[in-house]
Amino acid sequence: MYKTNTHTQLSFEDFDQPVGLKMNPGNRWIKKAGIIPWVALEKEYAKNFRNKKGNFAKPLRMALGSLLIQKEYNYSDEETVLQIQENPYLQFFIGLPGYQDEKPFDASTMVYFRKRLDEVTLMEINEKNLRCTTKT
């Protein structure tokens, strides 16, 4: 089952930062988040969830963002989750509303992300992303 995120794309200004944390809007993960058409991609992704029973799947931005982070650094599943837990830029990138000390999900969830977003799907997403960035 999937619950479509009805919120607009999270902007850097809306990310809830702990007191004293000053994030750089020029950070590469902030910039990457700004060029990916999350809302359009999520609409397509949501079509894969026709079953109305069971637990809700994690949002596309969390799934895709985590896989992109993992691929960028060649992290294990466990290390990917720990890096996201420790890094507010990565938390912003995967769509969390603000910095949190807790793990955003269990490392075993990465297996489900890879099943839902296989190499073919990731290539399609990348092509859509390239089309969107060349239009602007």
Protein backbone atom coordinates (compact mmCIF):
# COMPACT_ATOMS: atom_id res chain seq x y z
CA MET A 1 0.00 0.00 0.00
CA TYR A 2 1.23 3.50 -0.74
CA LYS A 3 0.21 6.87 0.58
CA THR A 4 0.92 9.62 -1.91
CA ASN A 5 2.68 12.59 -0.42
CA THR A 6 0.29 15.47 -0.94
CA HIS A 7 2.74 18.09 0.26
CA THR A 8 4.64 20.18 -2.20
CA GLN A 9 8.32 19.61 -2.62
CA LEU A 10 10.12 20.39 0.63
CA SER A 11 12.17 23.53 0.25
CA PHE A 12 15.43 24.20 2.00
CA GLU A 13 13.80 27.01 3.98
CA ASP A 14 11.13 24.62 5.31
CA PHE A 15 13.63 22.08 6.67
CA ASP A 16 13.46 22.18 10.48
CA GLN A 17 17.00 22.63 11.75
CA PRO A 18 18.02 22.28 15.39
CA VAL A 19 18.94 25.49 17.18
CA GLY A 20 22.47 26.47 16.24
CA LEU A 21 22.65 24.35 13.07
CA LYS A 22 23.23 26.53 10.05
CA MET A 23 23.07 24.54 6.86
CA ASN A 24 24.64 25.77 3.65
CA PRO A 25 22.07 26.16 0.83
CA GLY A 26 24.94 25.64 -1.63
CA ASN A 27 25.59 22.11 -0.37
CA ARG A 28 25.59 19.55 -3.20
CA TRP A 29 22.79 17.48 -1.61
CA ILE A 30 20.60 20.57 -1.28
CA LYS A 31 21.30 21.41 -4.93
CA LYS A 32 20.61 17.84 -6.10
CA ALA A 33 17.33 17.79 -4.20
CA GLY A 34 16.31 20.97 -5.98
CA ILE A 35 16.76 19.59 -9.48
CA ILE A 36 15.02 16.25 -9.04
CA PRO A 37 11.30 16.44 -9.91
CA TRP A 38 10.21 14.56 -6.78
CA VAL A 39 6.48 15.26 -7.11
CA ALA A 40 6.26 14.09 -10.72
CA LEU A 41 8.31 10.98 -9.99
CA GLU A 42 6.19 10.16 -6.95
CA LYS A 43 3.00 10.24 -9.01
CA GLU A 44 4.44 7.58 -11.30
CA TYR A 45 5.81 5.55 -8.38
CA ALA A 46 2.46 5.55 -6.56
CA LYS A 47 0.86 3.71 -9.51
CA ASN A 48 2.84 0.59 -8.50
CA PHE A 49 0.86 0.25 -5.27
CA ARG A 50 -2.62 -1.01 -6.05
CA ASN A 51 -3.17 -3.01 -2.87
CA LYS A 52 -5.16 -1.07 -0.30
CA LYS A 53 -4.17 -3.36 2.58
CA GLY A 54 -1.02 -3.65 4.64
CA ASN A 55 1.59 -1.20 5.81
CA PHE A 56 2.33 1.98 3.91
CA ALA A 57 5.51 1.97 1.84
CA LYS A 58 8.11 4.65 2.45
CA PRO A 59 7.85 7.71 0.19
CA LEU A 60 9.64 7.69 -3.16
CA ARG A 61 11.93 10.50 -2.10
CA MET A 62 13.14 8.46 0.86
CA ALA A 63 13.59 5.30 -1.22
CA LEU A 64 15.20 6.88 -4.26
CA GLY A 65 17.22 9.36 -2.22
CA SER A 66 18.64 6.59 -0.04
CA LEU A 67 19.60 4.52 -3.07
CA LEU A 68 21.30 7.51 -4.69
CA ILE A 69 23.27 8.18 -1.50
CA GLN A 70 24.25 4.53 -1.28
CA LYS A 71 25.37 4.46 -4.91
CA GLU A 72 27.32 7.72 -4.59
CA TYR A 73 29.46 6.42 -1.72
CA ASN A 74 29.24 2.65 -2.25
CA TYR A 75 27.90 2.21 1.29
CA SER A 76 26.44 -0.97 2.72
CA ASP A 77 22.77 -0.86 3.71
CA GLU A 78 23.69 -0.40 7.37
CA GLU A 79 26.21 2.34 6.64
CA THR A 80 23.75 4.18 4.39
CA VAL A 81 21.20 4.36 7.22
CA LEU A 82 23.85 5.47 9.74
CA GLN A 83 25.15 8.19 7.42
CA ILE A 84 21.62 9.49 6.85
CA GLN A 85 20.98 9.40 10.60
CA GLU A 86 24.09 11.51 11.27
CA ASN A 87 23.91 13.98 8.39
CA PRO A 88 21.24 16.72 8.15
CA TYR A 89 22.01 17.31 4.46
CA LEU A 90 21.24 13.68 3.68
CA GLN A 91 18.11 13.84 5.83
CA PHE A 92 16.95 16.83 3.82
CA PHE A 93 17.77 15.00 0.58
CA ILE A 94 15.57 12.02 1.45
CA GLY A 95 12.68 14.33 2.37
CA LEU A 96 12.59 14.33 6.15
CA PRO A 97 10.82 17.44 7.45
CA GLY A 98 13.66 18.26 9.84
CA TYR A 99 16.75 16.92 11.49
CA GLN A 100 16.20 13.89 13.70
CA ASP A 101 18.55 11.79 15.83
CA GLU A 102 16.73 8.53 15.13
CA LYS A 103 17.33 6.25 12.17
CA PRO A 104 14.80 7.12 9.44
CA PHE A 105 14.24 3.41 8.73
CA ASP A 106 15.83 0.04 9.37
CA ALA A 107 18.71 -1.05 7.15
CA SER A 108 16.66 -4.05 5.97
CA THR A 109 14.28 -1.60 4.28
CA MET A 110 16.97 -0.89 1.68
CA VAL A 111 16.20 -4.35 0.23
CA TYR A 112 12.61 -3.24 -0.48
CA PHE A 113 13.84 0.02 -1.99
CA ARG A 114 16.05 -1.93 -4.42
CA LYS A 115 13.21 -4.31 -5.33
CA ARG A 116 10.86 -1.46 -6.12
CA LEU A 117 13.47 0.70 -7.82
CA ASP A 118 15.47 -1.77 -9.87
CA GLU A 119 18.12 -0.74 -12.42
CA VAL A 120 15.57 -0.37 -15.24
CA THR A 121 13.32 1.85 -13.13
CA LEU A 122 16.31 3.92 -12.00
CA MET A 123 17.36 4.42 -15.63
CA GLU A 124 13.83 5.59 -16.51
CA ILE A 125 13.86 7.99 -13.57
CA ASN A 126 17.25 9.30 -14.63
CA GLU A 127 15.99 9.92 -18.18
CA LYS A 128 12.95 11.81 -16.83
CA ASN A 129 15.22 13.81 -14.58
CA LEU A 130 17.48 14.71 -17.49
CA ARG A 131 14.49 15.80 -19.58
CA CYS A 132 13.26 18.03 -16.73
CA THR A 133 16.68 19.62 -16.18
CA THR A 134 17.22 20.34 -19.87
CA LYS A 135 13.86 22.17 -20.02
CA THR A 136 14.92 24.66 -17.35
